[in-house]
Amino acid sequence: MWHEGRCLVVGAFSTSLEDSLKTQRSGDITGGCFLVFLGLVTLFAASKITGGLEERLPPRTLPYAVGVIILICGALLAIRSWRFHGIDPVIKWPDRRGTIRVLITLASLGVYLALMDPLGLPLSTFLYVSFTVWYLGKYRLWYPLLIGVLSGGISYLVFIYLLELSFPVGPFLTR
């Protein structure tokens, strides 16, 4: 099939990973299968977590929920993409500037995880979300700070206060 001067072969199989990720459909199928695998690994790891019954929620509850959600979303993405029969758009990979944005975003995620223990979940979430919204959205400073405060507050309220999960609270808060 020809589209905008390019030959698009819908449903063609290729031999390399690079070739298989050049179209949206094949990229979604590959990504969906990877998410199914990641969900299964998460469920397996969650099944190995031990905890006592004296806690309100067992420690494996959140990892189980995350594993099930990842598995279902990956399966739905792969199935939806497998059944797609329209024109398969070619993926436009990021240029050098876009690649740097992706790498900075991934590095900020690593900093977020590294700061979780010393600063606690609410404060590290505030810093990560504020930076990411500011960096990717280029908003005025008040908007990322507002979104960061809301995210940090909600993370404290839901995960630490209501669910009583054992996330670090940081030096400024108490349980």
N, C-alpha and C. Protein backbone atom coordinates (compact mmCIF):
# COMPACT_ATOMS: atom_id res chain seq x y z
N MET A 1 0.85 -1.16 0.00
CA MET A 1 0.00 0.00 0.00
C MET A 1 0.90 1.23 0.00
N TRP A 2 0.56 2.23 -0.82
CA TRP A 2 1.35 3.45 -0.91
C TRP A 2 0.64 4.57 -0.19
N HIS A 3 1.41 5.36 0.60
CA HIS A 3 0.87 6.50 1.32
C HIS A 3 1.94 7.59 1.38
N GLU A 4 1.65 8.76 0.83
CA GLU A 4 2.57 9.90 0.82
C GLU A 4 3.94 9.51 0.26
N GLY A 5 3.96 8.78 -0.84
CA GLY A 5 5.20 8.43 -1.49
C GLY A 5 5.99 7.33 -0.81
N ARG A 6 5.44 6.72 0.22
CA ARG A 6 6.14 5.64 0.93
C ARG A 6 5.33 4.35 0.81
N CYS A 7 6.05 3.26 0.74
CA CYS A 7 5.38 1.97 0.70
C CYS A 7 5.15 1.51 2.14
N LEU A 8 3.89 1.30 2.49
CA LEU A 8 3.54 0.82 3.81
C LEU A 8 3.02 -0.60 3.69
N VAL A 9 3.70 -1.52 4.27
CA VAL A 9 3.25 -2.90 4.25
C VAL A 9 2.60 -3.18 5.60
N VAL A 10 1.28 -3.34 5.60
CA VAL A 10 0.55 -3.57 6.83
C VAL A 10 0.66 -5.03 7.20
N GLY A 11 1.10 -5.27 8.44
CA GLY A 11 1.16 -6.63 8.94
C GLY A 11 2.41 -7.39 8.53
N ALA A 12 3.40 -6.71 7.97
CA ALA A 12 4.62 -7.41 7.57
C ALA A 12 5.46 -7.74 8.80
N PHE A 13 6.14 -8.86 8.73
CA PHE A 13 7.02 -9.27 9.82
C PHE A 13 8.45 -8.95 9.42
N SER A 14 9.23 -8.49 10.37
CA SER A 14 10.63 -8.19 10.09
C SER A 14 11.52 -9.00 11.02
N THR A 15 12.81 -9.00 10.70
CA THR A 15 13.72 -9.86 11.45
C THR A 15 14.46 -9.15 12.57
N SER A 16 14.54 -7.82 12.56
CA SER A 16 15.29 -7.13 13.60
C SER A 16 14.36 -6.28 14.45
N LEU A 17 14.80 -6.00 15.69
CA LEU A 17 14.00 -5.18 16.59
C LEU A 17 13.86 -3.77 16.04
N GLU A 18 14.93 -3.26 15.43
CA GLU A 18 14.88 -1.91 14.87
C GLU A 18 13.81 -1.82 13.78
N ASP A 19 13.75 -2.81 12.91
CA ASP A 19 12.73 -2.80 11.85
C ASP A 19 11.33 -2.98 12.43
N SER A 20 11.21 -3.74 13.51
CA SER A 20 9.89 -4.02 14.06
C SER A 20 9.31 -2.82 14.80
N LEU A 21 10.13 -1.81 15.13
CA LEU A 21 9.64 -0.65 15.86
C LEU A 21 9.52 0.58 14.97
N LYS A 22 9.47 0.42 13.66
CA LYS A 22 9.38 1.56 12.77
C LYS A 22 7.95 2.01 12.54
N THR A 23 6.97 1.17 12.82
CA THR A 23 5.58 1.57 12.64
C THR A 23 4.86 1.52 13.98
N GLN A 24 3.79 2.28 14.06
CA GLN A 24 3.04 2.38 15.31
C GLN A 24 2.48 1.02 15.73
N ARG A 25 1.93 0.28 14.80
CA ARG A 25 1.31 -1.02 15.12
C ARG A 25 2.34 -2.00 15.68
N SER A 26 3.45 -2.14 15.00
CA SER A 26 4.46 -3.09 15.47
C SER A 26 5.09 -2.63 16.78
N GLY A 27 5.28 -1.33 16.95
CA GLY A 27 5.80 -0.81 18.21
C GLY A 27 4.85 -1.05 19.36
N ASP A 28 3.53 -0.87 19.10
CA ASP A 28 2.54 -1.12 20.14
C ASP A 28 2.45 -2.60 20.51
N ILE A 29 2.56 -3.47 19.53
CA ILE A 29 2.53 -4.91 19.82
C ILE A 29 3.76 -5.29 20.65
N THR A 30 4.93 -4.80 20.26
CA THR A 30 6.16 -5.09 21.00
C THR A 30 6.07 -4.52 22.41
N GLY A 31 5.62 -3.27 22.53
CA GLY A 31 5.49 -2.65 23.85
C GLY A 31 4.47 -3.37 24.72
N GLY A 32 3.35 -3.78 24.13
CA GLY A 32 2.32 -4.50 24.88
C GLY A 32 2.83 -5.83 25.39
N CYS A 33 3.57 -6.55 24.57
CA CYS A 33 4.14 -7.84 25.01
C CYS A 33 5.15 -7.62 26.12
N PHE A 34 5.96 -6.55 26.00
CA PHE A 34 6.91 -6.25 27.07
C PHE A 34 6.18 -5.93 28.37
N LEU A 35 5.08 -5.17 28.29
CA LEU A 35 4.32 -4.84 29.50
C LEU A 35 3.67 -6.08 30.12
N VAL A 36 3.20 -7.01 29.30
CA VAL A 36 2.67 -8.27 29.82
C VAL A 36 3.77 -9.01 30.58
N PHE A 37 4.96 -9.08 29.99
CA PHE A 37 6.09 -9.73 30.66
C PHE A 37 6.42 -9.01 31.97
N LEU A 38 6.47 -7.68 31.94
CA LEU A 38 6.77 -6.90 33.14
C LEU A 38 5.70 -7.11 34.22
N GLY A 39 4.44 -7.19 33.82
CA GLY A 39 3.37 -7.46 34.77
C GLY A 39 3.51 -8.83 35.41
N LEU A 40 3.87 -9.83 34.62
CA LEU A 40 4.07 -11.17 35.16
C LEU A 40 5.25 -11.21 36.13
N VAL A 41 6.34 -10.52 35.79
CA VAL A 41 7.50 -10.46 36.69
C VAL A 41 7.11 -9.76 37.99
N THR A 42 6.32 -8.68 37.89
CA THR A 42 5.87 -7.96 39.08
C THR A 42 4.99 -8.84 39.96
N LEU A 43 4.08 -9.59 39.35
CA LEU A 43 3.22 -10.50 40.12
C LEU A 43 4.05 -11.60 40.78
N PHE A 44 5.03 -12.13 40.06
CA PHE A 44 5.89 -13.16 40.65
C PHE A 44 6.67 -12.59 41.83
N ALA A 45 7.25 -11.40 41.66
CA ALA A 45 8.01 -10.79 42.76
C ALA A 45 7.11 -10.46 43.93
N ALA A 46 5.88 -10.01 43.67
CA ALA A 46 4.95 -9.69 44.75
C ALA A 46 4.54 -10.94 45.52
N SER A 47 4.49 -12.06 44.84
CA SER A 47 4.11 -13.29 45.54
C SER A 47 5.18 -13.74 46.53
N LYS A 48 6.40 -13.24 46.38
CA LYS A 48 7.50 -13.61 47.27
C LYS A 48 7.57 -12.70 48.51
N ILE A 49 6.78 -11.63 48.54
CA ILE A 49 6.80 -10.70 49.68
C ILE A 49 6.04 -11.33 50.84
N THR A 50 6.66 -11.34 52.00
CA THR A 50 6.01 -11.88 53.19
C THR A 50 5.64 -10.74 54.13
N GLY A 51 4.62 -10.94 54.90
CA GLY A 51 4.20 -9.94 55.87
C GLY A 51 3.21 -10.55 56.84
N GLY A 52 3.11 -9.90 57.97
CA GLY A 52 2.21 -10.41 58.99
C GLY A 52 0.79 -9.95 58.79
N LEU A 53 -0.13 -10.60 59.47
CA LEU A 53 -1.54 -10.26 59.37
C LEU A 53 -1.91 -9.09 60.28
N GLU A 54 -0.96 -8.64 61.11
CA GLU A 54 -1.27 -7.55 62.02
C GLU A 54 -1.37 -6.20 61.30
N GLU A 55 -0.92 -6.14 60.07
CA GLU A 55 -0.99 -4.90 59.31
C GLU A 55 -2.36 -4.76 58.66
N ARG A 56 -2.74 -3.52 58.42
CA ARG A 56 -4.04 -3.24 57.81
C ARG A 56 -4.14 -3.83 56.40
N LEU A 57 -3.09 -3.62 55.62
CA LEU A 57 -2.98 -4.22 54.30
C LEU A 57 -1.66 -4.98 54.24
N PRO A 58 -1.65 -6.17 53.71
CA PRO A 58 -0.38 -6.88 53.58
C PRO A 58 0.56 -6.11 52.65
N PRO A 59 1.87 -6.21 52.84
CA PRO A 59 2.81 -5.45 52.02
C PRO A 59 2.77 -5.80 50.53
N ARG A 60 2.22 -6.95 50.19
CA ARG A 60 2.19 -7.33 48.77
C ARG A 60 0.98 -6.78 48.02
N THR A 61 0.07 -6.10 48.70
CA THR A 61 -1.15 -5.63 48.06
C THR A 61 -0.88 -4.66 46.92
N LEU A 62 -0.09 -3.63 47.18
CA LEU A 62 0.20 -2.63 46.15
C LEU A 62 0.98 -3.24 44.97
N PRO A 63 2.03 -4.05 45.21
CA PRO A 63 2.70 -4.67 44.07
C PRO A 63 1.78 -5.59 43.26
N TYR A 64 0.89 -6.31 43.92
CA TYR A 64 -0.08 -7.13 43.18
C TYR A 64 -0.97 -6.26 42.29
N ALA A 65 -1.48 -5.18 42.86
CA ALA A 65 -2.36 -4.29 42.07
C ALA A 65 -1.61 -3.69 40.89
N VAL A 66 -0.38 -3.25 41.11
CA VAL A 66 0.41 -2.68 40.02
C VAL A 66 0.70 -3.75 38.96
N GLY A 67 1.04 -4.96 39.38
CA GLY A 67 1.31 -6.03 38.43
C GLY A 67 0.10 -6.38 37.58
N VAL A 68 -1.07 -6.44 38.20
CA VAL A 68 -2.29 -6.75 37.46
C VAL A 68 -2.61 -5.63 36.47
N ILE A 69 -2.46 -4.38 36.90
CA ILE A 69 -2.75 -3.25 36.01
C ILE A 69 -1.80 -3.23 34.83
N ILE A 70 -0.50 -3.45 35.08
CA ILE A 70 0.48 -3.48 33.98
C ILE A 70 0.18 -4.62 33.03
N LEU A 71 -0.14 -5.79 33.55
CA LEU A 71 -0.43 -6.95 32.72
C LEU A 71 -1.67 -6.70 31.84
N ILE A 72 -2.74 -6.19 32.42
CA ILE A 72 -3.97 -5.95 31.67
C ILE A 72 -3.75 -4.87 30.61
N CYS A 73 -3.09 -3.78 30.98
CA CYS A 73 -2.85 -2.70 30.01
C CYS A 73 -1.97 -3.17 28.86
N GLY A 74 -0.94 -3.96 29.16
CA GLY A 74 -0.08 -4.50 28.11
C GLY A 74 -0.83 -5.43 27.18
N ALA A 75 -1.65 -6.30 27.75
CA ALA A 75 -2.43 -7.22 26.92
C ALA A 75 -3.42 -6.46 26.03
N LEU A 76 -4.09 -5.46 26.61
CA LEU A 76 -5.05 -4.67 25.81
C LEU A 76 -4.34 -3.92 24.69
N LEU A 77 -3.17 -3.35 24.96
CA LEU A 77 -2.42 -2.63 23.94
C LEU A 77 -2.01 -3.57 22.82
N ALA A 78 -1.47 -4.74 23.16
CA ALA A 78 -1.02 -5.69 22.13
C ALA A 78 -2.20 -6.21 21.31
N ILE A 79 -3.30 -6.55 21.97
CA ILE A 79 -4.47 -7.09 21.26
C ILE A 79 -5.09 -6.03 20.36
N ARG A 80 -5.24 -4.81 20.89
CA ARG A 80 -5.82 -3.73 20.09
C ARG A 80 -4.97 -3.45 18.86
N SER A 81 -3.65 -3.45 19.04
CA SER A 81 -2.75 -3.19 17.91
C SER A 81 -2.73 -4.35 16.93
N TRP A 82 -2.82 -5.58 17.42
CA TRP A 82 -2.82 -6.75 16.55
C TRP A 82 -4.06 -6.75 15.65
N ARG A 83 -5.20 -6.30 16.20
CA ARG A 83 -6.45 -6.31 15.45
C ARG A 83 -6.64 -5.09 14.56
N PHE A 84 -5.71 -4.11 14.62
CA PHE A 84 -5.82 -2.88 13.83
C PHE A 84 -5.60 -3.17 12.35
N HIS A 85 -6.47 -2.64 11.49
CA HIS A 85 -6.37 -2.92 10.06
C HIS A 85 -6.33 -1.67 9.21
N GLY A 86 -6.03 -0.53 9.78
CA GLY A 86 -5.95 0.72 9.01
C GLY A 86 -4.54 0.96 8.50
N ILE A 87 -4.30 2.20 8.08
CA ILE A 87 -2.97 2.59 7.64
C ILE A 87 -2.07 2.67 8.86
N ASP A 88 -0.95 2.00 8.78
CA ASP A 88 -0.01 1.92 9.90
C ASP A 88 0.98 3.07 9.81
N PRO A 89 0.84 4.09 10.66
CA PRO A 89 1.74 5.25 10.55
C PRO A 89 3.17 4.91 10.97
N VAL A 90 4.11 5.54 10.28
CA VAL A 90 5.51 5.36 10.60
C VAL A 90 5.83 6.19 11.83
N ILE A 91 6.59 5.62 12.77
CA ILE A 91 6.96 6.32 14.00
C ILE A 91 8.02 7.36 13.67
N LYS A 92 7.81 8.57 14.15
CA LYS A 92 8.80 9.63 14.00
C LYS A 92 9.62 9.65 15.28
N TRP A 93 10.81 9.09 15.22
CA TRP A 93 11.69 9.03 16.39
C TRP A 93 12.21 10.42 16.69
N PRO A 94 12.49 10.71 17.98
CA PRO A 94 12.94 12.06 18.33
C PRO A 94 14.31 12.38 17.74
N ASP A 95 14.48 13.68 17.45
CA ASP A 95 15.78 14.14 16.99
C ASP A 95 16.72 14.27 18.19
N ARG A 96 17.87 14.88 18.00
CA ARG A 96 18.85 14.99 19.08
C ARG A 96 18.28 15.74 20.28
N ARG A 97 17.56 16.82 20.03
CA ARG A 97 16.97 17.59 21.12
C ARG A 97 15.92 16.79 21.88
N GLY A 98 15.11 16.04 21.15
CA GLY A 98 14.10 15.18 21.80
C GLY A 98 14.73 14.07 22.60
N THR A 99 15.83 13.51 22.09
CA THR A 99 16.54 12.46 22.82
C THR A 99 17.10 13.00 24.13
N ILE A 100 17.62 14.21 24.10
CA ILE A 100 18.14 14.83 25.33
C ILE A 100 17.02 15.05 26.34
N ARG A 101 15.84 15.45 25.86
CA ARG A 101 14.69 15.62 26.76
C ARG A 101 14.29 14.31 27.42
N VAL A 102 14.29 13.24 26.65
CA VAL A 102 13.97 11.92 27.19
C VAL A 102 15.01 11.51 28.23
N LEU A 103 16.28 11.71 27.94
CA LEU A 103 17.34 11.33 28.88
C LEU A 103 17.29 12.16 30.16
N ILE A 104 17.01 13.45 30.05
CA ILE A 104 16.89 14.28 31.25
C ILE A 104 15.69 13.84 32.08
N THR A 105 14.60 13.50 31.44
CA THR A 105 13.42 13.01 32.16
C THR A 105 13.72 11.70 32.88
N LEU A 106 14.43 10.79 32.22
CA LEU A 106 14.81 9.53 32.87
C LEU A 106 15.79 9.76 34.02
N ALA A 107 16.73 10.70 33.84
CA ALA A 107 17.67 11.01 34.92
C ALA A 107 16.93 11.61 36.12
N SER A 108 15.93 12.45 35.86
CA SER A 108 15.17 13.03 36.98
C SER A 108 14.38 11.95 37.71
N LEU A 109 13.92 10.93 37.00
CA LEU A 109 13.26 9.80 37.66
C LEU A 109 14.24 9.05 38.56
N GLY A 110 15.48 8.87 38.10
CA GLY A 110 16.50 8.25 38.93
C GLY A 110 16.80 9.06 40.18
N VAL A 111 16.86 10.40 40.03
CA VAL A 111 17.09 11.27 41.19
C VAL A 111 15.91 11.16 42.15
N TYR A 112 14.69 11.09 41.63
CA TYR A 112 13.49 10.92 42.46
C TYR A 112 13.60 9.67 43.32
N LEU A 113 13.98 8.57 42.69
CA LEU A 113 14.11 7.31 43.44
C LEU A 113 15.24 7.37 44.46
N ALA A 114 16.33 8.06 44.11
CA ALA A 114 17.45 8.17 45.04
C ALA A 114 17.10 9.06 46.24
N LEU A 115 16.25 10.06 46.04
CA LEU A 115 15.88 10.98 47.12
C LEU A 115 14.72 10.47 47.96
N MET A 116 14.10 9.38 47.56
CA MET A 116 12.93 8.88 48.28
C MET A 116 13.25 8.55 49.73
N ASP A 117 14.34 7.87 50.00
CA ASP A 117 14.67 7.52 51.40
C ASP A 117 15.06 8.73 52.25
N PRO A 118 15.97 9.58 51.80
CA PRO A 118 16.34 10.69 52.68
C PRO A 118 15.27 11.77 52.82
N LEU A 119 14.53 12.06 51.77
CA LEU A 119 13.54 13.14 51.83
C LEU A 119 12.12 12.65 52.09
N GLY A 120 11.84 11.40 51.85
CA GLY A 120 10.50 10.86 52.03
C GLY A 120 9.68 10.94 50.74
N LEU A 121 8.61 10.18 50.71
CA LEU A 121 7.74 10.12 49.53
C LEU A 121 7.10 11.46 49.20
N PRO A 122 6.49 12.18 50.14
CA PRO A 122 5.80 13.42 49.77
C PRO A 122 6.73 14.50 49.21
N LEU A 123 7.86 14.73 49.86
CA LEU A 123 8.76 15.79 49.41
C LEU A 123 9.45 15.42 48.10
N SER A 124 9.89 14.17 47.96
CA SER A 124 10.53 13.77 46.71
C SER A 124 9.53 13.77 45.56
N THR A 125 8.28 13.41 45.84
CA THR A 125 7.24 13.47 44.81
C THR A 125 6.99 14.91 44.40
N PHE A 126 6.93 15.82 45.37
CA PHE A 126 6.77 17.24 45.07
C PHE A 126 7.89 17.73 44.15
N LEU A 127 9.14 17.41 44.49
CA LEU A 127 10.27 17.88 43.68
C LEU A 127 10.26 17.28 42.28
N TYR A 128 10.00 15.97 42.19
CA TYR A 128 10.00 15.31 40.89
C TYR A 128 8.89 15.83 39.99
N VAL A 129 7.68 15.87 40.51
CA VAL A 129 6.55 16.30 39.68
C VAL A 129 6.71 17.77 39.29
N SER A 130 7.12 18.60 40.22
CA SER A 130 7.32 20.02 39.90
C SER A 130 8.35 20.20 38.79
N PHE A 131 9.48 19.52 38.92
CA PHE A 131 10.52 19.64 37.89
C PHE A 131 10.03 19.11 36.54
N THR A 132 9.40 17.95 36.55
CA THR A 132 8.97 17.34 35.29
C THR A 132 7.92 18.18 34.58
N VAL A 133 6.94 18.69 35.33
CA VAL A 133 5.90 19.54 34.71
C VAL A 133 6.54 20.82 34.17
N TRP A 134 7.46 21.41 34.94
CA TRP A 134 8.12 22.63 34.47
C TRP A 134 8.97 22.35 33.23
N TYR A 135 9.77 21.27 33.27
CA TYR A 135 10.70 20.98 32.20
C TYR A 135 9.99 20.59 30.90
N LEU A 136 9.00 19.73 30.99
CA LEU A 136 8.33 19.26 29.78
C LEU A 136 7.26 20.22 29.28
N GLY A 137 6.65 20.99 30.21
CA GLY A 137 5.56 21.84 29.80
C GLY A 137 5.92 23.29 29.61
N LYS A 138 7.03 23.73 30.18
CA LYS A 138 7.47 25.12 30.08
C LYS A 138 6.39 26.09 30.56
N TYR A 139 5.76 25.75 31.69
CA TYR A 139 4.75 26.61 32.29
C TYR A 139 5.40 27.66 33.17
N ARG A 140 4.61 28.63 33.60
CA ARG A 140 5.09 29.56 34.61
C ARG A 140 5.33 28.78 35.89
N LEU A 141 6.16 29.32 36.76
CA LEU A 141 6.62 28.57 37.94
C LEU A 141 5.51 28.18 38.90
N TRP A 142 4.46 28.97 39.02
CA TRP A 142 3.42 28.68 39.99
C TRP A 142 2.66 27.39 39.64
N TYR A 143 2.49 27.10 38.35
CA TYR A 143 1.72 25.92 37.94
C TYR A 143 2.43 24.61 38.30
N PRO A 144 3.72 24.43 37.94
CA PRO A 144 4.40 23.20 38.36
C PRO A 144 4.47 23.05 39.88
N LEU A 145 4.65 24.17 40.59
CA LEU A 145 4.70 24.09 42.05
C LEU A 145 3.35 23.65 42.62
N LEU A 146 2.26 24.16 42.06
CA LEU A 146 0.92 23.77 42.50
C LEU A 146 0.68 22.29 42.24
N ILE A 147 1.01 21.82 41.05
CA ILE A 147 0.83 20.41 40.72
C ILE A 147 1.72 19.54 41.61
N GLY A 148 2.94 19.99 41.89
CA GLY A 148 3.84 19.26 42.76
C GLY A 148 3.32 19.16 44.19
N VAL A 149 2.80 20.29 44.73
CA VAL A 149 2.25 20.27 46.09
C VAL A 149 1.05 19.33 46.16
N LEU A 150 0.17 19.39 45.15
CA LEU A 150 -0.99 18.49 45.13
C LEU A 150 -0.54 17.02 45.04
N SER A 151 0.44 16.73 44.20
CA SER A 151 0.92 15.34 44.06
C SER A 151 1.56 14.84 45.34
N GLY A 152 2.41 15.68 45.96
CA GLY A 152 3.04 15.29 47.22
C GLY A 152 2.02 15.09 48.32
N GLY A 153 1.04 15.99 48.40
CA GLY A 153 -0.01 15.86 49.42
C GLY A 153 -0.88 14.64 49.22
N ILE A 154 -1.24 14.39 47.98
CA ILE A 154 -2.07 13.21 47.69
C ILE A 154 -1.28 11.92 47.95
N SER A 155 0.01 11.91 47.62
CA SER A 155 0.82 10.71 47.89
C SER A 155 0.90 10.44 49.39
N TYR A 156 1.02 11.50 50.20
CA TYR A 156 1.03 11.30 51.65
C TYR A 156 -0.33 10.81 52.13
N LEU A 157 -1.39 11.48 51.68
CA LEU A 157 -2.74 11.14 52.14
C LEU A 157 -3.11 9.70 51.78
N VAL A 158 -2.89 9.32 50.54
CA VAL A 158 -3.32 8.00 50.08
C VAL A 158 -2.41 6.89 50.59
N PHE A 159 -1.10 7.01 50.33
CA PHE A 159 -0.21 5.88 50.59
C PHE A 159 0.27 5.79 52.03
N ILE A 160 0.48 6.91 52.69
CA ILE A 160 1.03 6.87 54.05
C ILE A 160 -0.08 6.95 55.10
N TYR A 161 -1.01 7.88 54.94
CA TYR A 161 -2.03 8.08 55.96
C TYR A 161 -3.18 7.07 55.85
N LEU A 162 -3.80 6.96 54.67
CA LEU A 162 -4.97 6.08 54.53
C LEU A 162 -4.59 4.60 54.42
N LEU A 163 -3.68 4.27 53.53
CA LEU A 163 -3.31 2.86 53.33
C LEU A 163 -2.25 2.38 54.32
N GLU A 164 -1.63 3.31 55.02
CA GLU A 164 -0.60 3.00 56.01
C GLU A 164 0.51 2.11 55.46
N LEU A 165 0.93 2.41 54.21
CA LEU A 165 2.03 1.67 53.61
C LEU A 165 3.35 2.20 54.17
N SER A 166 4.38 1.41 54.08
CA SER A 166 5.64 1.74 54.73
C SER A 166 6.57 2.55 53.83
N PHE A 167 6.06 3.59 53.20
CA PHE A 167 6.92 4.51 52.46
C PHE A 167 7.59 5.45 53.44
N PRO A 168 8.80 5.91 53.13
CA PRO A 168 9.44 6.87 54.02
C PRO A 168 8.69 8.20 54.01
N VAL A 169 8.49 8.77 55.21
CA VAL A 169 7.74 10.03 55.31
C VAL A 169 8.66 11.24 55.23
N GLY A 170 9.94 11.07 55.48
CA GLY A 170 10.86 12.18 55.39
C GLY A 170 11.12 12.84 56.72
N PRO A 171 12.03 13.81 56.74
CA PRO A 171 12.43 14.42 58.00
C PRO A 171 11.42 15.42 58.55
N PHE A 172 10.47 15.88 57.76
CA PHE A 172 9.56 16.94 58.18
C PHE A 172 8.18 16.46 58.61
N LEU A 173 7.87 15.21 58.35
CA LEU A 173 6.54 14.67 58.67
C LEU A 173 6.68 13.50 59.64
N THR A 174 5.59 13.20 60.32
CA THR A 174 5.54 12.04 61.20
C THR A 174 4.36 11.17 60.81
N ARG A 175 4.40 9.94 61.21
CA ARG A 175 3.28 9.03 60.91
C ARG A 175 2.13 9.26 61.85
